[in-house]
Amino acid sequence: MQTDSKTGNSVLLFPEGVLELNETAHEILSRCDGRTVSEIIQALAEEYNVDLEMLATDVRETLADLQRRKLIELAELT
């Protein structure tokens, strides 16, 4: 994950190209540092003071989509 020098937007680089990340995906991926999915959800819920269940769905869907596209690899989607 990097910041595009021309646009300032967050991007995910992969061998075949570049994926521009929306703010939500950036916030999720920036926390993929060894934390579990549950820990990421909890941290985001606390930081943004949002409904935990709705956030959990969004986080899991985002990670599952990126994993299906083979852009990230998860040990376990919990």
C-alpha atoms as a PDB file:
ATOM      1  CA  MET A   1       0.000   0.000   0.000  1.00  0.00           C
ATOM      2  CA  GLN A   2       1.357   3.406  -0.986  1.00  0.00           C
ATOM      3  CA  THR A   3       0.290   6.947  -1.688  1.00  0.00           C
ATOM      4  CA  ASP A   4       0.093   7.898  -5.355  1.00  0.00           C
ATOM      5  CA  SER A   5       2.541  10.770  -5.836  1.00  0.00           C
ATOM      6  CA  LYS A   6       0.366  12.442  -8.487  1.00  0.00           C
ATOM      7  CA  THR A   7      -3.066  12.225  -6.861  1.00  0.00           C
ATOM      8  CA  GLY A   8      -2.216  11.776  -3.173  1.00  0.00           C
ATOM      9  CA  ASN A   9      -4.681   8.868  -3.040  1.00  0.00           C
ATOM     10  CA  SER A  10      -3.945   5.580  -1.325  1.00  0.00           C
ATOM     11  CA  VAL A  11      -3.229   2.740  -3.717  1.00  0.00           C
ATOM     12  CA  LEU A  12      -2.521  -0.948  -3.461  1.00  0.00           C
ATOM     13  CA  LEU A  13       0.233  -2.035  -5.815  1.00  0.00           C
ATOM     14  CA  PHE A  14       0.272  -5.522  -7.280  1.00  0.00           C
ATOM     15  CA  PRO A  15       2.223  -7.121 -10.146  1.00  0.00           C
ATOM     16  CA  GLU A  16      -0.468  -6.478 -12.754  1.00  0.00           C
ATOM     17  CA  GLY A  17      -1.349  -2.931 -11.771  1.00  0.00           C
ATOM     18  CA  VAL A  18      -2.598  -0.478  -9.199  1.00  0.00           C
ATOM     19  CA  LEU A  19      -5.862  -0.386  -7.269  1.00  0.00           C
ATOM     20  CA  GLU A  20      -6.976   2.993  -5.937  1.00  0.00           C
ATOM     21  CA  LEU A  21      -8.350   2.505  -2.424  1.00  0.00           C
ATOM     22  CA  ASN A  22     -11.312   4.337  -1.001  1.00  0.00           C
ATOM     23  CA  GLU A  23     -10.983   5.747   2.507  1.00  0.00           C
ATOM     24  CA  THR A  24     -12.645   2.721   4.093  1.00  0.00           C
ATOM     25  CA  ALA A  25     -10.330   0.207   2.436  1.00  0.00           C
ATOM     26  CA  HIS A  26      -7.327   2.345   3.351  1.00  0.00           C
ATOM     27  CA  GLU A  27      -8.361   2.483   7.015  1.00  0.00           C
ATOM     28  CA  ILE A  28      -8.852  -1.284   7.103  1.00  0.00           C
ATOM     29  CA  LEU A  29      -5.634  -2.194   5.288  1.00  0.00           C
ATOM     30  CA  SER A  30      -3.529   0.236   7.303  1.00  0.00           C
ATOM     31  CA  ARG A  31      -4.414  -1.839  10.361  1.00  0.00           C
ATOM     32  CA  CYS A  32      -3.394  -5.153   8.787  1.00  0.00           C
ATOM     33  CA  ASP A  33      -0.232  -5.317  10.820  1.00  0.00           C
ATOM     34  CA  GLY A  34      -0.582  -8.643  12.573  1.00  0.00           C
ATOM     35  CA  ARG A  35      -3.880  -7.831  14.273  1.00  0.00           C
ATOM     36  CA  THR A  36      -6.797 -10.187  13.933  1.00  0.00           C
ATOM     37  CA  VAL A  37      -9.830  -9.126  11.943  1.00  0.00           C
ATOM     38  CA  SER A  38     -11.741  -8.799  15.224  1.00  0.00           C
ATOM     39  CA  GLU A  39      -9.060  -6.482  16.617  1.00  0.00           C
ATOM     40  CA  ILE A  40      -9.189  -4.346  13.477  1.00  0.00           C
ATOM     41  CA  ILE A  41     -12.973  -4.095  13.737  1.00  0.00           C
ATOM     42  CA  GLN A  42     -12.775  -3.142  17.421  1.00  0.00           C
ATOM     43  CA  ALA A  43     -10.122  -0.466  16.781  1.00  0.00           C
ATOM     44  CA  LEU A  44     -12.138   1.084  13.956  1.00  0.00           C
ATOM     45  CA  ALA A  45     -15.360   0.997  15.976  1.00  0.00           C
ATOM     46  CA  GLU A  46     -13.674   2.789  18.862  1.00  0.00           C
ATOM     47  CA  GLU A  47     -11.945   5.356  16.659  1.00  0.00           C
ATOM     48  CA  TYR A  48     -15.006   6.244  14.590  1.00  0.00           C
ATOM     49  CA  ASN A  49     -17.702   5.552  17.212  1.00  0.00           C
ATOM     50  CA  VAL A  50     -19.821   3.451  14.837  1.00  0.00           C
ATOM     51  CA  ASP A  51     -22.053   0.406  15.196  1.00  0.00           C
ATOM     52  CA  LEU A  52     -19.853  -2.643  15.710  1.00  0.00           C
ATOM     53  CA  GLU A  53     -22.047  -5.107  13.785  1.00  0.00           C
ATOM     54  CA  MET A  54     -22.420  -2.913  10.710  1.00  0.00           C
ATOM     55  CA  LEU A  55     -18.707  -2.148  10.738  1.00  0.00           C
ATOM     56  CA  ALA A  56     -17.839  -5.840  11.104  1.00  0.00           C
ATOM     57  CA  THR A  57     -19.841  -6.633   7.975  1.00  0.00           C
ATOM     58  CA  ASP A  58     -18.110  -3.872   5.997  1.00  0.00           C
ATOM     59  CA  VAL A  59     -14.629  -4.912   7.143  1.00  0.00           C
ATOM     60  CA  ARG A  60     -15.197  -8.593   6.421  1.00  0.00           C
ATOM     61  CA  GLU A  61     -16.697  -7.860   2.988  1.00  0.00           C
ATOM     62  CA  THR A  62     -13.814  -5.556   2.061  1.00  0.00           C
ATOM     63  CA  LEU A  63     -11.174  -8.065   3.139  1.00  0.00           C
ATOM     64  CA  ALA A  64     -12.983 -10.974   1.488  1.00  0.00           C
ATOM     65  CA  ASP A  65     -13.247  -9.031  -1.785  1.00  0.00           C
ATOM     66  CA  LEU A  66      -9.538  -8.192  -1.767  1.00  0.00           C
ATOM     67  CA  GLN A  67      -8.699 -11.788  -0.915  1.00  0.00           C
ATOM     68  CA  ARG A  68     -10.909 -13.142  -3.736  1.00  0.00           C
ATOM     69  CA  ARG A  69      -9.063 -10.840  -6.109  1.00  0.00           C
ATOM     70  CA  LYS A  70      -5.778 -12.255  -4.733  1.00  0.00           C
ATOM     71  CA  LEU A  71      -4.633  -8.799  -3.659  1.00  0.00           C
ATOM     72  CA  ILE A  72      -4.222  -9.760  -0.012  1.00  0.00           C
ATOM     73  CA  GLU A  73      -3.708 -13.012   1.817  1.00  0.00           C
ATOM     74  CA  LEU A  74      -5.390 -13.636   5.150  1.00  0.00           C
ATOM     75  CA  ALA A  75      -4.413 -16.294   7.611  1.00  0.00           C
ATOM     76  CA  GLU A  76      -8.052 -16.579   8.684  1.00  0.00           C
ATOM     77  CA  LEU A  77     -11.087 -14.362   8.162  1.00  0.00           C
ATOM     78  CA  THR A  78     -12.526 -14.237  11.699  1.00  0.00           C
END
